[in-house]
């Protein structure tokens, strides 16, 4: 199906800029966390290098991030050999930030449970397949072991069921009871907190110069807001009402994500469960006041405009802040590595005599520029002398 992107928004494009290196290092971090000692053999990472879309030697990659990973020789936890093979682990600074991230995740478990319950309340039958929920795990900020973290202490709220035992990956997560306090969308919450206590309505996050888009959202708001948590959503008759609810569902789903964005492909993966139209992408483009669709990195991503102030999130979850600090440390390590390599390369060139030659060439160029500037100044002096000579007045 052909898709297109919204008119470019530099600020939101900057927000979508991702670092491929950060993604790879995050996967390496998750690999180390599987070992109790947080160390692993380099050969293990090398065997998984292709799955990370990387080439070359894993040890060389780790050396690029000296502030994040330590390379050493010895037995790694979970290996059991105790031999003198190359292993790697976290540096002290990296380990401290990983612990801080783990603490932020643990402290956010009640909020995670609420987000998960809200997603199930949006779905048909208040249930979703666990295999499909894996696609929402990242956007919702759920850890890999979210089922083990959240379900045992909330057996009155969630239940794992397998209605089709003969099928693979058929397990479903079901919401056992409706939670009225959670059945309030972000649009309804904003309306309730407003000073004038106005009726719930969508707001346009585009500049006033987008007059046509502002007029369209006003027309869209002329009919009553339909809550995405409405239990009578399946009975909606007209196409206009169906689209209004679908827009509300996407808006609410994006507001539940930590980064206020999601892949359009993942969103369309839940068309049946969330009652979205066949061509969800077209619906998103019909509402530019609410959604921004980008094709950055050839991946169509929908962003909730009101979730951002320029290129920064308006409200940053503690887990997002912890992950940002990890990203900053990774970038610092790469910068340190690049500076060291640059110094080594300059030293090699200096030994071969290439630096002196270049310095002489630069001196010659500077002398030529100086002479050229002096000649131009002399020409200007002569020109003005002739121009303002009394004989020419």
Protein backbone atom coordinates (compact mmCIF):
# COMPACT_ATOMS: atom_id res chain seq x y z
CA UNK A 1 0.00 0.00 0.00
CA UNK A 2 1.44 3.36 -1.00
CA UNK A 3 2.09 5.78 1.82
CA UNK A 4 3.41 9.28 2.06
CA UNK A 5 4.72 11.54 4.78
CA UNK A 6 3.49 14.78 6.31
CA UNK A 7 5.15 18.06 5.28
CA UNK A 8 8.53 18.06 7.00
CA UNK A 9 8.64 19.36 10.55
CA UNK A 10 12.34 19.92 11.41
CA UNK A 11 11.75 19.81 15.17
CA UNK A 12 9.86 16.51 15.11
CA UNK A 13 12.30 15.06 12.57
CA UNK A 14 15.06 15.88 15.05
CA UNK A 15 13.08 14.11 17.78
CA UNK A 16 12.88 11.01 15.59
CA UNK A 17 16.61 11.01 14.92
CA UNK A 18 17.88 7.78 16.34
CA UNK A 19 21.40 6.50 16.78
CA UNK A 20 21.93 3.05 15.34
CA UNK A 21 24.94 2.65 17.61
CA UNK A 22 22.79 3.37 20.67
CA UNK A 23 20.32 0.66 19.62
CA UNK A 24 23.11 -1.91 19.21
CA UNK A 25 24.68 -1.02 22.56
CA UNK A 26 21.28 -1.28 24.23
CA UNK A 27 20.96 -4.82 22.89
CA UNK A 28 24.47 -5.62 24.15
CA UNK A 29 23.42 -4.25 27.55
CA UNK A 30 20.39 -6.55 27.58
CA UNK A 31 22.66 -9.48 26.67
CA UNK A 32 24.94 -8.80 29.65
CA UNK A 33 22.00 -8.48 32.03
CA UNK A 34 21.10 -12.09 31.31
CA UNK A 35 24.23 -13.18 33.22
CA UNK A 36 24.24 -12.88 37.03
CA UNK A 37 27.80 -11.55 36.98
CA UNK A 38 27.00 -9.11 34.13
CA UNK A 39 29.97 -10.42 32.16
CA UNK A 40 30.04 -12.57 29.04
CA UNK A 41 32.57 -14.03 26.58
CA UNK A 42 33.35 -11.87 23.58
CA UNK A 43 32.85 -14.94 21.39
CA UNK A 44 29.19 -15.01 22.47
CA UNK A 45 28.71 -11.46 21.24
CA UNK A 46 30.65 -12.31 18.07
CA UNK A 47 28.28 -15.21 17.36
CA UNK A 48 25.34 -12.79 17.53
CA UNK A 49 26.98 -9.98 15.61
CA UNK A 50 25.12 -10.69 12.38
CA UNK A 51 21.77 -10.52 14.14
CA UNK A 52 22.73 -6.96 15.12
CA UNK A 53 23.38 -6.14 11.44
CA UNK A 54 27.08 -5.64 12.19
CA UNK A 55 30.27 -6.81 10.52
CA UNK A 56 33.83 -7.11 11.78
CA UNK A 57 35.12 -8.08 15.20
CA UNK A 58 33.00 -7.68 18.31
CA UNK A 59 36.07 -6.71 20.36
CA UNK A 60 36.72 -3.75 18.06
CA UNK A 61 33.15 -2.56 18.56
CA UNK A 62 33.47 -2.77 22.35
CA UNK A 63 36.72 -0.78 22.26
CA UNK A 64 34.83 2.10 20.65
CA UNK A 65 32.94 2.61 23.92
CA UNK A 66 35.56 2.63 26.69
CA UNK A 67 33.22 4.48 29.03
CA UNK A 68 30.60 1.72 28.70
CA UNK A 69 32.36 -1.63 28.34
CA UNK A 70 35.46 -3.20 29.88
CA UNK A 71 37.46 -5.86 28.04
CA UNK A 72 39.41 -8.37 30.13
CA UNK A 73 40.61 -11.98 30.13
CA UNK A 74 39.07 -14.55 32.42
CA UNK A 75 35.99 -16.70 32.99
CA UNK A 76 32.63 -15.02 32.47
CA UNK A 77 29.61 -15.59 34.64
CA UNK A 78 27.38 -18.29 33.28
CA UNK A 79 30.25 -19.70 31.22
CA UNK A 80 31.70 -22.05 33.77
CA UNK A 81 35.00 -22.62 31.94
CA UNK A 82 37.16 -20.31 34.03
CA UNK A 83 39.62 -20.10 31.14
CA UNK A 84 41.61 -17.09 30.08
CA UNK A 85 39.36 -16.12 27.20
CA UNK A 86 38.40 -12.61 26.21
CA UNK A 87 35.36 -11.37 28.13
CA UNK A 88 33.57 -8.07 28.55
CA UNK A 89 31.38 -6.34 31.08
CA UNK A 90 30.15 -2.93 32.21
CA UNK A 91 32.41 -0.16 33.40
CA UNK A 92 31.66 1.28 36.85
CA UNK A 93 29.91 4.31 35.36
CA UNK A 94 27.87 2.16 32.99
CA UNK A 95 26.95 -0.26 35.79
CA UNK A 96 25.76 2.65 37.94
CA UNK A 97 23.54 3.97 35.14
CA UNK A 98 22.19 0.48 34.43
CA UNK A 99 21.31 0.14 38.12
CA UNK A 100 19.63 3.55 37.99
CA UNK A 101 17.59 2.45 34.98
CA UNK A 102 16.59 -0.76 36.74
CA UNK A 103 15.53 1.27 39.78
CA UNK A 104 13.47 3.59 37.58
CA UNK A 105 11.78 0.59 35.93
CA UNK A 106 11.03 -0.99 39.32
CA UNK A 107 9.59 2.27 40.66
CA UNK A 108 7.44 2.61 37.53
CA UNK A 109 5.76 -0.79 37.88
CA UNK A 110 2.43 0.65 39.15
CA UNK A 111 2.37 3.09 36.19
CA UNK A 112 3.23 0.21 33.83
CA UNK A 113 0.33 -1.83 35.19
CA UNK A 114 -2.01 1.14 34.63
CA UNK A 115 -0.79 1.61 31.05
CA UNK A 116 -1.21 -2.10 30.34
CA UNK A 117 -4.73 -2.08 31.80
CA UNK A 118 -5.67 0.96 29.70
CA UNK A 119 -4.43 -0.73 26.52
CA UNK A 120 -6.55 -3.80 27.33
CA UNK A 121 -9.54 -1.54 28.01
CA UNK A 122 -9.11 -0.08 24.52
CA UNK A 123 -9.15 -3.53 22.94
CA UNK A 124 -12.11 -5.59 21.83
CA UNK A 125 -13.07 -8.05 24.58
CA UNK A 126 -10.48 -6.50 26.95
CA UNK A 127 -7.87 -9.01 25.81
CA UNK A 128 -4.84 -9.15 23.52
CA UNK A 129 -2.54 -11.92 22.39
CA UNK A 130 0.74 -11.93 24.29
CA UNK A 131 2.62 -12.38 21.02
CA UNK A 132 1.01 -9.19 19.69
CA UNK A 133 1.63 -7.29 22.90
CA UNK A 134 5.34 -7.80 22.26
CA UNK A 135 5.05 -5.16 19.53
CA UNK A 136 3.82 -2.64 22.13
CA UNK A 137 6.33 -3.56 24.81
CA UNK A 138 8.95 -1.05 23.66
CA UNK A 139 6.63 1.94 23.08
CA UNK A 140 4.88 1.35 26.41
CA UNK A 141 8.20 1.05 28.26
CA UNK A 142 7.54 -2.52 29.45
CA UNK A 143 10.60 -4.63 30.32
CA UNK A 144 11.20 -8.05 28.78
CA UNK A 145 9.88 -9.77 31.90
CA UNK A 146 6.83 -7.53 32.36
CA UNK A 147 4.48 -10.51 32.76
CA UNK A 148 6.56 -11.87 35.66
CA UNK A 149 6.85 -8.41 37.20
CA UNK A 150 3.23 -7.28 36.95
CA UNK A 151 0.91 -10.29 36.98
CA UNK A 152 1.74 -12.19 40.23
CA UNK A 153 0.84 -9.18 42.41
CA UNK A 154 -2.26 -8.32 40.36
CA UNK A 155 -4.13 -11.58 39.91
CA UNK A 156 -7.39 -9.70 40.50
CA UNK A 157 -6.73 -7.52 37.46
CA UNK A 158 -4.87 -9.62 34.86
CA UNK A 159 -5.12 -13.21 33.76
CA UNK A 160 -3.18 -15.28 31.24
CA UNK A 161 -5.43 -17.59 29.26
CA UNK A 162 -4.98 -19.90 26.30
CA UNK A 163 -8.32 -20.40 24.55
CA UNK A 164 -6.67 -22.42 21.76
CA UNK A 165 -4.25 -24.90 23.39
CA UNK A 166 -3.56 -26.58 20.06
CA UNK A 167 -2.21 -23.33 18.57
CA UNK A 168 1.25 -21.91 19.06
CA UNK A 169 1.59 -18.41 20.53
CA UNK A 170 -2.14 -18.28 21.26
CA UNK A 171 -1.84 -17.18 24.89
CA UNK A 172 -3.88 -14.06 25.68
CA UNK A 173 -3.65 -11.45 28.41
CA UNK A 174 -7.09 -10.61 29.72
CA UNK A 175 -8.33 -7.74 31.89
CA UNK A 176 -10.58 -9.28 34.54
CA UNK A 177 -12.43 -6.16 35.63
CA UNK A 178 -13.19 -2.69 34.37
CA UNK A 179 -11.37 0.11 36.19
CA UNK A 180 -13.48 3.31 35.97
CA UNK A 181 -10.67 5.51 37.29
CA UNK A 182 -8.48 4.46 34.35
CA UNK A 183 -11.21 4.86 31.72
CA UNK A 184 -10.43 8.57 31.31
CA UNK A 185 -8.62 9.57 28.13
CA UNK A 186 -5.95 12.26 28.00
CA UNK A 187 -8.38 14.51 26.10
CA UNK A 188 -11.00 14.11 28.83
CA UNK A 189 -8.42 14.67 31.56
CA UNK A 190 -7.25 17.90 29.88
CA UNK A 191 -10.83 19.13 29.60
CA UNK A 192 -11.50 18.33 33.26
CA UNK A 193 -8.42 20.25 34.39
CA UNK A 194 -9.20 23.29 32.23
CA UNK A 195 -10.34 26.44 34.00
CA UNK A 196 -13.56 26.73 32.01
CA UNK A 197 -14.42 23.01 32.36
CA UNK A 198 -15.23 22.82 28.66
CA UNK A 199 -16.36 19.68 26.87
CA UNK A 200 -13.62 17.30 25.72
CA UNK A 201 -12.23 18.27 22.32
CA UNK A 202 -9.10 17.80 20.26
CA UNK A 203 -6.61 20.66 20.10
CA UNK A 204 -4.53 21.68 17.10
CA UNK A 205 -0.78 21.77 17.71
CA UNK A 206 0.05 23.44 14.41
CA UNK A 207 0.99 27.13 14.09
CA UNK A 208 -1.85 29.61 13.41
CA UNK A 209 -0.61 30.00 9.84
CA UNK A 210 -2.06 26.57 9.05
CA UNK A 211 -5.49 28.10 8.70
CA UNK A 212 -7.07 25.28 6.70
CA UNK A 213 -5.95 22.64 9.20
CA UNK A 214 -7.31 24.72 12.07
CA UNK A 215 -10.63 25.04 10.25
CA UNK A 216 -10.75 21.27 9.70
CA UNK A 217 -10.13 20.46 13.35
CA UNK A 218 -12.85 22.91 14.36
CA UNK A 219 -15.24 21.14 12.01
CA UNK A 220 -14.08 17.79 13.41
CA UNK A 221 -14.78 19.05 16.93
CA UNK A 222 -18.29 20.21 15.99
CA UNK A 223 -19.62 16.75 16.86
CA UNK A 224 -19.35 15.38 20.43
CA UNK A 225 -16.12 13.68 21.48
CA UNK A 226 -16.34 9.87 21.62
CA UNK A 227 -14.28 8.33 24.39
CA UNK A 228 -11.95 5.53 23.24
CA UNK A 229 -12.94 3.67 26.41
CA UNK A 230 -16.63 3.71 25.50
CA UNK A 231 -17.97 0.17 25.84
CA UNK A 232 -20.57 0.75 23.11
CA UNK A 233 -17.94 1.45 20.44
CA UNK A 234 -18.94 -1.59 18.38
CA UNK A 235 -22.43 -0.13 17.93
CA UNK A 236 -21.22 3.11 16.29
CA UNK A 237 -23.07 3.44 13.00
CA UNK A 238 -21.96 6.36 10.83
CA UNK A 239 -18.55 6.58 9.20
CA UNK A 240 -17.94 9.98 10.78
CA UNK A 241 -18.54 8.64 14.29
CA UNK A 242 -16.41 5.57 13.57
CA UNK A 243 -13.52 7.76 12.45
CA UNK A 244 -13.93 10.03 15.45
CA UNK A 245 -13.58 7.08 17.78
CA UNK A 246 -10.65 5.67 15.77
CA UNK A 247 -8.85 9.01 16.00
CA UNK A 248 -9.52 9.04 19.75
CA UNK A 249 -8.11 5.52 20.08
CA UNK A 250 -4.89 6.37 18.22
CA UNK A 251 -4.56 9.61 20.18
CA UNK A 252 -4.99 7.78 23.48
CA UNK A 253 -2.67 4.93 22.49
CA UNK A 254 0.09 7.38 21.54
CA UNK A 255 -0.41 9.32 24.76
CA UNK A 256 0.19 6.06 26.69
CA UNK A 257 3.57 5.49 25.01
CA UNK A 258 6.70 6.87 26.66
CA UNK A 259 7.98 8.62 23.53
CA UNK A 260 4.54 9.64 22.17
CA UNK A 261 5.24 7.88 18.87
CA UNK A 262 4.78 4.50 17.23
CA UNK A 263 5.44 2.72 13.99
CA UNK A 264 2.44 2.96 11.67
CA UNK A 265 3.00 -0.69 10.78
CA UNK A 266 2.67 -1.71 14.44
CA UNK A 267 -0.43 0.41 14.77
CA UNK A 268 -2.05 -1.24 11.77
CA UNK A 269 -1.17 -4.61 13.29
CA UNK A 270 -3.97 -3.95 15.84
CA UNK A 271 -6.71 -2.83 13.44
CA UNK A 272 -9.10 -5.58 14.44
CA UNK A 273 -8.41 -5.37 18.18
CA UNK A 274 -8.78 -1.58 18.38
CA UNK A 275 -11.43 -1.12 15.70
CA UNK A 276 -9.23 0.97 13.40
CA UNK A 277 -10.09 1.56 9.72
CA UNK A 278 -8.61 -0.52 6.92
CA UNK A 279 -6.38 2.33 5.77
CA UNK A 280 -5.22 3.75 9.07
CA UNK A 281 -2.38 5.67 7.40
CA UNK A 282 -4.80 7.78 5.35
CA UNK A 283 -6.80 8.56 8.46
CA UNK A 284 -3.64 9.83 10.18
CA UNK A 285 -2.90 12.16 7.25
CA UNK A 286 -6.41 13.57 7.41
CA UNK A 287 -5.65 14.95 10.87
CA UNK A 288 -2.32 16.82 10.69
CA UNK A 289 -3.27 18.93 13.70
CA UNK A 290 -2.98 15.84 15.88
CA UNK A 291 -0.54 13.51 14.15
CA UNK A 292 2.76 13.90 12.34
CA UNK A 293 3.76 11.05 10.01
CA UNK A 294 7.43 10.71 9.15
CA UNK A 295 9.26 8.36 6.82
CA UNK A 296 12.63 8.82 8.48
CA UNK A 297 14.91 5.79 8.04
CA UNK A 298 12.24 4.46 5.61
CA UNK A 299 10.01 3.58 8.57
CA UNK A 300 6.63 5.28 8.73
CA UNK A 301 6.24 6.62 12.26
CA UNK A 302 3.29 8.55 13.69
CA UNK A 303 4.04 11.16 16.35
CA UNK A 304 1.55 12.78 18.70
CA UNK A 305 2.21 16.48 18.06
CA UNK A 306 0.98 17.71 21.42
CA UNK A 307 3.43 15.39 23.17
CA UNK A 308 6.38 17.52 22.03
CA UNK A 309 7.61 21.04 22.63
CA UNK A 310 9.87 21.54 19.64
CA UNK A 311 12.03 18.42 19.53
CA UNK A 312 11.74 17.63 23.25
CA UNK A 313 9.09 15.67 25.10
CA UNK A 314 6.78 17.86 27.16
CA UNK A 315 6.71 15.28 29.95
CA UNK A 316 9.64 12.90 30.29
CA UNK A 317 9.05 9.62 32.12
CA UNK A 318 11.75 8.66 34.65
CA UNK A 319 12.55 5.58 32.56
CA UNK A 320 13.09 7.79 29.50
CA UNK A 321 15.36 10.08 31.51
CA UNK A 322 17.41 7.08 32.69
CA UNK A 323 17.74 5.79 29.12
CA UNK A 324 18.81 9.25 27.95
CA UNK A 325 21.64 9.26 30.48
CA UNK A 326 22.80 5.91 29.15
CA UNK A 327 22.76 7.30 25.62
CA UNK A 328 24.83 10.30 26.71
CA UNK A 329 27.45 8.01 28.25
CA UNK A 330 27.62 5.95 25.07
CA UNK A 331 28.09 9.10 23.01
CA UNK A 332 30.80 10.27 25.40
CA UNK A 333 32.63 6.96 25.02
CA UNK A 334 32.47 7.14 21.23
CA UNK A 335 33.80 10.71 21.28
CA UNK A 336 36.66 9.64 23.54
CA UNK A 337 37.51 6.77 21.20
CA UNK A 338 37.41 8.99 18.11
CA UNK A 339 39.68 11.58 19.75
CA UNK A 340 42.18 8.89 20.71
CA UNK A 341 42.17 7.41 17.20
CA UNK A 342 42.62 10.86 15.71
CA UNK A 343 45.63 11.52 17.94
CA UNK A 344 47.13 8.14 16.99
CA UNK A 345 46.64 8.82 13.28
CA UNK A 346 48.22 12.28 13.58
CA UNK A 347 51.20 10.77 15.38
CA UNK A 348 51.65 8.20 12.60
CA UNK A 349 51.54 10.92 9.95
CA UNK A 350 53.98 13.02 11.95
CA UNK A 351 56.43 10.11 12.04
CA UNK A 352 56.12 9.69 8.27
CA UNK A 353 56.71 13.37 7.73
CA UNK A 354 53.27 14.08 6.27
CA UNK A 355 52.31 16.63 8.90
CA UNK A 356 55.34 18.86 8.25
CA UNK A 357 54.63 18.94 4.52
CA UNK A 358 51.03 19.87 5.12
CA UNK A 359 52.06 22.55 7.59
CA UNK A 360 54.40 24.04 4.95
CA UNK A 361 51.56 23.94 2.42
CA UNK A 362 49.26 25.65 4.89
CA UNK A 363 51.90 28.33 5.53
CA UNK A 364 52.24 28.93 1.78
CA UNK A 365 48.46 29.18 1.45
CA UNK A 366 48.27 31.64 4.35
CA UNK A 367 51.06 33.74 2.80
CA UNK A 368 49.20 33.77 -0.54
CA UNK A 369 46.00 34.86 1.17
CA UNK A 370 47.89 37.60 3.06
CA UNK A 371 49.50 38.92 -0.11
CA UNK A 372 46.18 38.77 -1.98
CA UNK A 373 44.49 40.75 0.79
CA UNK A 374 47.31 43.33 0.78
CA UNK A 375 47.00 43.76 -2.99
CA UNK A 376 43.24 44.24 -2.70
CA UNK A 377 43.69 46.84 0.04
CA UNK A 378 46.18 48.73 -2.14
CA UNK A 379 43.77 48.64 -5.09
CA UNK A 380 40.95 49.98 -2.92
CA UNK A 381 43.20 52.79 -1.62
CA UNK A 382 44.10 53.86 -5.17
CA UNK A 383 40.46 53.66 -6.28
CA UNK A 384 39.19 55.93 -3.49
CA UNK A 385 42.12 58.32 -4.00
CA UNK A 386 41.12 58.79 -7.64
CA UNK A 387 37.41 58.89 -6.80
CA UNK A 388 37.74 61.66 -4.22
CA UNK A 389 40.49 63.65 -5.97
CA UNK A 390 39.62 67.33 -6.34
CA UNK A 391 40.12 67.09 -10.11
CA UNK A 392 37.17 64.65 -10.36
CA UNK A 393 34.69 66.72 -8.40
